[in-house]
Amino acid sequence: MRPAMAGGSTSNHTSSKVGGVLGSEAAVGLLTATKKREYRVTNKLHEGKRPLYAISFNFLDARYYDVFASAGGNRITVYRCLEGGLVAALQAYADEDKEESYYTLSWACELDTTPLLVAGGSNGIIRVINCGTEKIHKSFVGHGDSINEIRTQALNPSLVVSASKDESVRLWNVHTGICILVFAGAGGHRNEVLSVDFHPSDIYRIASCGMDGTVKIWSMKEFWTYVDKSFTWTDLPSKFPTKYVQFPVLIASVHSNYVDCTRWLGDFVLSKSVDNETVLWEPKTKEQSPGEGSWDILQKYPVPDCDIWFIKFSCDFHYNSIAIGNRDGKVFVWDLQSSPPVLIARLTHAQCKGAVRQTAMSFDGSTILSCCEDGSIWRWDSIS
């Protein structure tokens, strides 16, 4: 069960040089909705009493842009958004372990482009589900504790990365089942890793964040031969020479509390803490001196009543906007392309009161989904 509590103090963690240019202030958005785009509720689904922690559209294949999946309890369900606010259930998968509680899922694909769902949760095992056969394709065992997030490399959807309570991040090949790299050790996280993301264009770079209050940026460049080797490995996956990456290229103390969601926005980073805000910042790494870089905070997107951990935001495909829920069932939609930040819409409904654990924005941002602590899924559609 994800605790619904505020984060703890992280005052004793090691911090890098404080970023920011003298005299420059981060632009903070105002909580006055511009109604630049209006949304209304078009559907509400209820999957049961167990909390839903993850929801995600499939952005890997244009044939499935309107398909999404949700995860909670030991169930993963696949749906399609239809016209007029309708939602059709396509598939449902129940894990053999009835005590499993899925916290995260990510879309990937087979070499023949068949969609795969990669999911993980409390029992620490990653399940790869083939949506063509509706069966488990592979199971990855390696993490020593629960899995908080899984993300797919859009430039190479055979690669996924997982963030765990065991203080590590792992890189996997979904086709061969090989754990290629483990990001942990001397320069690694000092508490649960809550979120991770691949850079959209630099295939070697990832960002991770967690309960130690830091965002860490890692480079895989010098280990890339092992990534290549994972595709041609013919021996048992357990015999693969998995490498440890112990030192990130940057440790950024942008926040002073748990950091539970991070995403790349080009070369910038969006990260969210339990301090009621999401921050956009620019990492400045020093190739010659790993870990000694700095950062500039550019913009802040306030989200009231967002002081519990494990609330994940989402963006549309082109990162024009961001949707962030809060503990009271509200969703705030911010324009990512304006400075200072502009609040596009505040989505509220009298019956939506449970904590929004994750949102999912459709390809063009015209549909926003939210999955909640009470087991409900809400669909909002743009009417302007």
Protein backbone atom coordinates (compact mmCIF):
# COMPACT_ATOMS: atom_id res chain seq x y z
CA MET A 1 0.00 0.00 0.00
CA ARG A 2 1.41 3.40 -0.95
CA PRO A 3 1.38 5.56 2.19
CA ALA A 4 -0.71 8.71 1.73
CA MET A 5 1.54 10.91 3.77
CA ALA A 6 3.66 13.97 3.39
CA GLY A 7 7.35 13.59 2.71
CA GLY A 8 10.11 13.65 5.27
CA SER A 9 12.90 16.12 5.73
CA THR A 10 15.98 15.58 3.60
CA SER A 11 18.25 18.12 5.26
CA ASN A 12 21.16 15.68 5.75
CA HIS A 13 21.63 14.69 2.10
CA THR A 14 24.74 15.77 0.23
CA SER A 15 23.97 18.66 -2.08
CA SER A 16 25.78 19.82 -5.19
CA LYS A 17 26.63 23.43 -5.87
CA VAL A 18 23.44 25.45 -5.73
CA GLY A 19 22.29 26.46 -9.18
CA GLY A 20 20.85 29.75 -10.29
CA VAL A 21 22.26 32.83 -11.91
CA LEU A 22 22.73 35.86 -9.68
CA GLY A 23 19.83 38.24 -10.09
CA SER A 24 17.61 35.82 -12.01
CA GLU A 25 14.37 34.65 -10.43
CA ALA A 26 12.30 31.63 -11.39
CA ALA A 27 9.00 32.58 -13.03
CA VAL A 28 6.14 31.33 -10.82
CA GLY A 29 2.76 30.68 -12.38
CA LEU A 30 -0.45 32.16 -11.00
CA LEU A 31 -3.34 29.86 -10.03
CA THR A 32 -5.81 31.82 -12.16
CA ALA A 33 -7.12 29.65 -14.98
CA THR A 34 -7.01 31.42 -18.34
CA LYS A 35 -9.63 29.08 -19.84
CA LYS A 36 -7.30 28.87 -22.81
CA ARG A 37 -8.73 25.38 -23.23
CA GLU A 38 -11.86 24.16 -21.45
CA TYR A 39 -12.51 20.56 -20.48
CA ARG A 40 -15.57 18.71 -19.23
CA VAL A 41 -16.08 15.27 -17.69
CA THR A 42 -17.29 12.80 -20.33
CA ASN A 43 -16.89 9.51 -18.47
CA LYS A 44 -16.16 7.90 -15.12
CA LEU A 45 -15.11 4.27 -14.72
CA HIS A 46 -14.83 2.35 -11.49
CA GLU A 47 -12.55 -0.67 -11.39
CA GLY A 48 -13.14 -1.61 -7.76
CA LYS A 49 -12.03 -0.56 -4.32
CA ARG A 50 -8.28 -0.99 -4.71
CA PRO A 51 -6.36 2.19 -5.51
CA LEU A 52 -5.25 2.84 -9.08
CA TYR A 53 -1.67 4.08 -9.21
CA ALA A 54 -0.85 4.20 -12.92
CA ILE A 55 -2.49 5.18 -16.19
CA SER A 56 -0.84 5.72 -19.58
CA PHE A 57 -1.65 6.21 -23.26
CA ASN A 58 0.38 4.31 -25.88
CA PHE A 59 2.50 6.91 -27.72
CA LEU A 60 4.76 4.35 -29.42
CA ASP A 61 2.45 3.39 -32.30
CA ALA A 62 0.07 5.69 -34.19
CA ARG A 63 -2.42 2.81 -34.50
CA TYR A 64 -2.87 2.84 -30.73
CA TYR A 65 -2.72 6.53 -29.75
CA ASP A 66 -6.27 6.21 -28.38
CA VAL A 67 -5.44 3.10 -26.31
CA PHE A 68 -4.55 3.39 -22.63
CA ALA A 69 -3.88 1.05 -19.73
CA SER A 70 -4.43 1.36 -15.99
CA ALA A 71 -2.82 -0.49 -13.09
CA GLY A 72 -3.87 -1.08 -9.50
CA GLY A 73 -4.09 -4.03 -7.17
CA ASN A 74 -3.03 -7.14 -9.09
CA ARG A 75 -4.85 -5.98 -12.24
CA ILE A 76 -3.88 -4.26 -15.47
CA THR A 77 -6.69 -3.22 -17.81
CA VAL A 78 -6.42 -1.98 -21.39
CA TYR A 79 -9.02 0.42 -22.80
CA ARG A 80 -9.71 2.43 -25.94
CA CYS A 81 -11.06 5.98 -25.92
CA LEU A 82 -13.96 6.23 -28.36
CA GLU A 83 -15.82 9.24 -29.75
CA GLY A 84 -18.37 10.99 -27.58
CA GLY A 85 -16.58 10.26 -24.32
CA LEU A 86 -17.09 6.50 -24.54
CA VAL A 87 -14.45 4.10 -23.25
CA ALA A 88 -14.23 0.45 -24.32
CA ALA A 89 -12.46 -2.21 -22.22
CA LEU A 90 -10.20 -4.29 -24.49
CA GLN A 91 -8.20 -6.57 -22.20
CA ALA A 92 -7.68 -7.32 -18.53
CA TYR A 93 -4.80 -9.13 -16.88
CA ALA A 94 -4.71 -10.35 -13.27
CA ASP A 95 -1.38 -11.26 -11.72
CA GLU A 96 -1.12 -14.76 -10.25
CA ASP A 97 -0.03 -13.17 -6.97
CA LYS A 98 -3.27 -11.86 -5.45
CA GLU A 99 -1.27 -9.72 -3.01
CA GLU A 100 0.56 -7.90 -5.80
CA SER A 101 -0.16 -4.18 -6.01
CA TYR A 102 0.92 -2.65 -9.31
CA TYR A 103 2.34 0.86 -8.98
CA THR A 104 3.53 1.51 -12.52
CA LEU A 105 3.23 0.49 -16.16
CA SER A 106 4.83 1.50 -19.44
CA TRP A 107 4.14 0.66 -23.09
CA ALA A 108 6.87 -1.06 -25.10
CA CYS A 109 6.75 -3.15 -28.27
CA GLU A 110 7.91 -6.41 -29.75
CA LEU A 111 10.34 -6.46 -32.67
CA ASP A 112 7.28 -7.13 -34.90
CA THR A 113 5.60 -4.00 -33.36
CA THR A 114 3.12 -5.99 -31.23
CA PRO A 115 2.36 -3.81 -28.17
CA LEU A 116 3.83 -4.89 -24.84
CA LEU A 117 2.93 -3.66 -21.37
CA VAL A 118 5.71 -3.59 -18.80
CA ALA A 119 4.44 -3.37 -15.21
CA GLY A 120 5.80 -3.58 -11.69
CA GLY A 121 4.76 -3.02 -8.11
CA SER A 122 5.00 -4.18 -4.54
CA ASN A 123 6.52 -7.63 -5.13
CA GLY A 124 9.49 -6.28 -7.10
CA ILE A 125 8.97 -8.48 -10.16
CA ILE A 126 8.61 -6.81 -13.57
CA ARG A 127 5.98 -8.42 -15.79
CA VAL A 128 6.12 -8.00 -19.57
CA ILE A 129 2.69 -8.70 -21.05
CA ASN A 130 2.20 -9.35 -24.77
CA CYS A 131 -1.03 -7.57 -25.76
CA GLY A 132 -1.30 -9.73 -28.89
CA THR A 133 -1.41 -13.04 -27.01
CA GLU A 134 -2.67 -11.54 -23.71
CA LYS A 135 -0.04 -13.64 -21.93
CA ILE A 136 3.10 -12.94 -19.90
CA HIS A 137 5.99 -12.56 -22.33
CA LYS A 138 8.68 -12.40 -19.64
CA SER A 139 9.21 -11.77 -15.93
CA PHE A 140 12.27 -9.88 -14.70
CA VAL A 141 13.62 -10.61 -11.24
CA GLY A 142 16.43 -8.45 -9.91
CA HIS A 143 15.12 -5.63 -7.77
CA GLY A 144 15.25 -6.30 -4.05
CA ASP A 145 12.08 -4.37 -3.24
CA SER A 146 8.99 -2.77 -4.79
CA ILE A 147 9.11 -0.98 -8.15
CA ASN A 148 7.88 2.61 -8.23
CA GLU A 149 8.23 3.49 -11.91
CA ILE A 150 9.02 1.96 -15.30
CA ARG A 151 9.74 4.00 -18.43
CA THR A 152 10.41 3.00 -22.05
CA GLN A 153 13.13 4.42 -24.30
CA ALA A 154 11.08 5.97 -27.15
CA LEU A 155 14.13 5.94 -29.46
CA ASN A 156 14.52 2.19 -28.86
CA PRO A 157 11.35 0.66 -27.32
CA SER A 158 13.25 -2.55 -26.53
CA LEU A 159 14.85 -0.76 -23.58
CA VAL A 160 13.07 -0.01 -20.31
CA VAL A 161 14.31 1.47 -17.08
CA SER A 162 12.91 0.77 -13.60
CA ALA A 163 13.12 2.72 -10.33
CA SER A 164 12.86 0.86 -7.05
CA LYS A 165 12.50 1.12 -3.30
CA ASP A 166 15.79 -0.81 -3.16
CA GLU A 167 17.57 2.53 -3.96
CA SER A 168 18.55 1.43 -7.47
CA VAL A 169 17.59 2.08 -11.10
CA ARG A 170 17.93 -0.79 -13.58
CA LEU A 171 18.12 -0.88 -17.39
CA TRP A 172 16.51 -3.91 -19.07
CA ASN A 173 16.21 -5.39 -22.55
CA VAL A 174 12.56 -6.48 -22.84
CA HIS A 175 13.26 -9.00 -25.60
CA THR A 176 16.15 -10.89 -24.04
CA GLY A 177 15.20 -10.32 -20.39
CA ILE A 178 18.70 -9.09 -19.61
CA CYS A 179 19.43 -6.59 -16.85
CA ILE A 180 22.10 -4.52 -18.62
CA LEU A 181 22.98 -1.82 -16.11
CA VAL A 182 22.33 -1.02 -12.44
CA PHE A 183 22.54 2.64 -11.39
CA ALA A 184 23.44 2.46 -7.70
CA GLY A 185 26.34 2.54 -5.30
CA ALA A 186 28.67 5.29 -4.10
CA GLY A 187 26.92 8.13 -5.95
CA GLY A 188 23.50 6.54 -6.06
CA HIS A 189 20.24 7.34 -4.30
CA ARG A 190 20.14 7.04 -0.52
CA ASN A 191 16.45 6.15 -0.24
CA GLU A 192 13.59 4.90 -2.45
CA VAL A 193 13.89 5.87 -6.11
CA LEU A 194 10.42 7.11 -7.05
CA SER A 195 10.73 8.16 -10.68
CA VAL A 196 12.98 7.83 -13.72
CA ASP A 197 12.95 9.01 -17.34
CA PHE A 198 14.93 8.66 -20.58
CA HIS A 199 16.18 11.78 -22.34
CA PRO A 200 14.09 12.29 -25.52
CA SER A 201 17.04 12.69 -27.92
CA ASP A 202 20.25 11.80 -26.06
CA ILE A 203 19.97 8.02 -25.97
CA TYR A 204 22.72 7.76 -23.33
CA ARG A 205 21.08 9.95 -20.67
CA ILE A 206 18.51 9.28 -17.94
CA ALA A 207 17.24 11.21 -14.91
CA SER A 208 16.08 9.69 -11.62
CA CYS A 209 14.69 11.11 -8.38
CA GLY A 210 13.48 9.91 -5.04
CA MET A 211 13.01 10.18 -1.32
CA ASP A 212 16.53 11.48 -0.75
CA GLY A 213 15.33 14.79 -2.23
CA THR A 214 17.72 14.69 -5.20
CA VAL A 215 17.40 14.42 -8.96
CA LYS A 216 20.33 12.52 -10.45
CA ILE A 217 21.36 12.61 -14.10
CA TRP A 218 23.21 9.57 -15.37
CA SER A 219 25.15 8.83 -18.56
CA MET A 220 25.32 5.40 -20.18
CA LYS A 221 27.79 6.44 -22.86
CA GLU A 222 30.81 4.51 -21.61
CA PHE A 223 28.65 1.42 -20.99
CA TRP A 224 26.84 1.39 -24.34
CA THR A 225 28.73 -1.67 -25.62
CA TYR A 226 26.82 -3.66 -22.98
CA VAL A 227 23.51 -2.34 -24.32
CA ASP A 228 24.51 -3.52 -27.81
CA LYS A 229 25.67 -6.86 -26.39
CA SER A 230 22.26 -7.42 -24.71
CA PHE A 231 20.61 -7.80 -28.14
CA THR A 232 22.93 -10.56 -29.34
CA TRP A 233 23.46 -12.43 -26.04
CA THR A 234 22.66 -16.14 -26.48
CA ASP A 235 23.55 -17.49 -23.04
CA LEU A 236 21.26 -17.34 -20.01
CA PRO A 237 20.26 -13.77 -19.06
CA SER A 238 21.59 -14.44 -15.53
CA LYS A 239 25.09 -14.93 -17.00
CA PHE A 240 25.15 -11.52 -18.67
CA PRO A 241 27.94 -9.26 -17.29
CA THR A 242 25.61 -6.65 -15.79
CA LYS A 243 27.52 -3.45 -15.02
CA TYR A 244 27.10 -1.07 -12.08
CA VAL A 245 27.02 2.65 -12.83
CA GLN A 246 27.97 4.20 -9.48
CA PHE A 247 28.37 7.88 -10.28
CA PRO A 248 25.84 10.24 -11.89
CA VAL A 249 27.03 13.20 -13.96
CA LEU A 250 24.91 15.54 -11.82
CA ILE A 251 23.24 15.42 -8.40
CA ALA A 252 20.72 18.27 -8.22
CA SER A 253 19.12 19.39 -4.96
CA VAL A 254 16.35 21.37 -6.62
CA HIS A 255 13.82 20.38 -3.95
CA SER A 256 13.99 20.12 -0.16
CA ASN A 257 11.70 17.10 0.17
CA TYR A 258 10.71 13.83 -1.55
CA VAL A 259 10.84 14.12 -5.36
CA ASP A 260 8.27 11.70 -6.80
CA CYS A 261 8.09 12.49 -10.53
CA THR A 262 10.61 13.65 -13.12
CA ARG A 263 10.45 14.07 -16.92
CA TRP A 264 12.77 15.54 -19.50
CA LEU A 265 11.50 18.56 -21.44
CA GLY A 266 14.12 18.65 -24.19
CA ASP A 267 17.38 19.29 -22.32
CA PHE A 268 15.47 20.76 -19.36
CA VAL A 269 14.02 18.74 -16.49
CA LEU A 270 10.55 18.87 -14.95
CA SER A 271 10.50 17.53 -11.39
CA LYS A 272 7.77 17.46 -8.77
CA SER A 273 8.13 17.37 -5.02
CA VAL A 274 5.61 17.07 -2.18
CA ASP A 275 6.00 20.83 -1.69
CA ASN A 276 2.95 21.68 -3.82
CA GLU A 277 4.87 22.55 -6.95
CA THR A 278 6.53 21.24 -10.09
CA VAL A 279 9.79 22.90 -11.14
CA LEU A 280 11.33 23.34 -14.59
CA TRP A 281 15.11 23.61 -14.45
CA GLU A 282 18.20 23.41 -16.59
CA PRO A 283 20.96 20.97 -15.61
CA LYS A 284 24.51 22.13 -16.29
CA THR A 285 26.82 19.17 -16.26
CA LYS A 286 30.61 19.17 -16.45
CA GLU A 287 31.83 16.29 -18.57
CA GLN A 288 35.34 16.49 -17.03
CA SER A 289 34.05 16.65 -13.44
CA PRO A 290 31.06 14.30 -13.00
CA GLY A 291 28.78 15.26 -10.15
CA GLU A 292 30.09 18.81 -9.92
CA GLY A 293 27.64 20.59 -12.19
CA SER A 294 25.00 23.13 -11.28
CA TRP A 295 21.43 23.94 -12.25
CA ASP A 296 19.25 26.93 -13.02
CA ILE A 297 15.63 26.95 -11.86
CA LEU A 298 13.58 28.44 -14.68
CA GLN A 299 9.87 28.14 -13.84
CA LYS A 300 7.57 26.91 -11.08
CA TYR A 301 4.09 25.44 -11.54
CA PRO A 302 2.14 25.56 -8.25
CA VAL A 303 -0.31 22.74 -7.41
CA PRO A 304 -2.28 23.30 -4.18
CA ASP A 305 -2.94 20.34 -1.85
CA CYS A 306 -0.28 18.24 -3.55
CA ASP A 307 1.67 17.45 -0.39
CA ILE A 308 1.49 13.65 -0.37
CA TRP A 309 3.98 11.51 -2.22
CA PHE A 310 3.32 9.29 -5.24
CA ILE A 311 1.36 11.70 -7.41
CA LYS A 312 2.64 11.56 -11.00
CA PHE A 313 2.08 14.11 -13.73
CA SER A 314 1.84 13.58 -17.50
CA CYS A 315 2.28 15.57 -20.71
CA ASP A 316 0.91 15.38 -24.23
CA PHE A 317 3.18 13.91 -26.91
CA HIS A 318 4.75 17.24 -27.89
CA TYR A 319 5.08 18.47 -24.29
CA ASN A 320 2.88 21.52 -24.90
CA SER A 321 1.10 21.07 -21.59
CA ILE A 322 1.30 19.19 -18.29
CA ALA A 323 -1.53 17.73 -16.17
CA ILE A 324 -0.95 17.28 -12.43
CA GLY A 325 -3.49 15.93 -9.93
CA ASN A 326 -3.69 16.55 -6.20
CA ARG A 327 -4.92 14.77 -3.07
CA ASP A 328 -8.44 16.28 -3.39
CA GLY A 329 -9.25 14.92 -6.86
CA LYS A 330 -8.46 18.11 -8.77
CA VAL A 331 -6.26 18.27 -11.89
CA PHE A 332 -4.25 21.35 -12.88
CA VAL A 333 -3.31 21.80 -16.55
CA TRP A 334 -0.36 24.11 -17.22
CA ASP A 335 0.97 25.46 -20.51
CA LEU A 336 4.62 24.39 -20.81
CA GLN A 337 5.37 26.69 -23.74
CA SER A 338 4.67 30.02 -22.01
CA SER A 339 6.75 32.12 -19.66
CA PRO A 340 5.74 33.00 -17.03
CA PRO A 341 3.67 29.80 -16.66
CA VAL A 342 0.01 29.95 -17.67
CA LEU A 343 -2.65 27.76 -16.00
CA ILE A 344 -4.79 26.46 -18.86
CA ALA A 345 -7.49 24.80 -16.78
CA ARG A 346 -8.42 23.52 -13.34
CA LEU A 347 -10.42 20.29 -13.63
CA THR A 348 -12.83 19.67 -10.76
CA HIS A 349 -15.94 17.57 -10.20
CA ALA A 350 -18.05 17.33 -7.05
CA GLN A 351 -17.80 13.51 -7.02
CA CYS A 352 -14.07 13.32 -7.73
CA LYS A 353 -12.55 13.60 -4.25
CA GLY A 354 -9.91 10.87 -4.05
CA ALA A 355 -6.21 11.53 -4.50
CA VAL A 356 -5.23 11.57 -8.19
CA ARG A 357 -2.28 9.17 -8.33
CA GLN A 358 -1.50 9.74 -12.00
CA THR A 359 -2.83 11.54 -15.05
CA ALA A 360 -2.57 10.61 -18.73
CA MET A 361 -2.81 13.19 -21.50
CA SER A 362 -3.72 12.04 -24.99
CA PHE A 363 -1.40 12.60 -27.97
CA ASP A 364 -2.74 16.12 -28.69
CA GLY A 365 -3.84 16.92 -25.12
CA SER A 366 -7.55 16.96 -26.02
CA THR A 367 -8.33 14.14 -23.56
CA ILE A 368 -7.07 13.95 -19.99
CA LEU A 369 -7.48 10.85 -17.82
CA SER A 370 -6.94 10.64 -14.09
CA CYS A 371 -6.74 7.51 -11.95
CA CYS A 372 -7.57 7.83 -8.30
CA GLU A 373 -7.01 6.36 -4.86
CA ASP A 374 -10.67 5.23 -4.75
CA GLY A 375 -10.29 2.99 -7.83
CA SER A 376 -11.95 5.41 -10.27
CA ILE A 377 -10.84 6.66 -13.69
CA TRP A 378 -12.10 10.04 -14.90
CA ARG A 379 -12.13 11.15 -18.54
CA TRP A 380 -12.06 14.84 -19.41
CA ASP A 381 -12.43 16.08 -23.00
CA SER A 382 -11.59 19.46 -24.45
CA ILE A 383 -14.61 21.49 -25.54
CA SER A 384 -12.65 24.48 -26.82
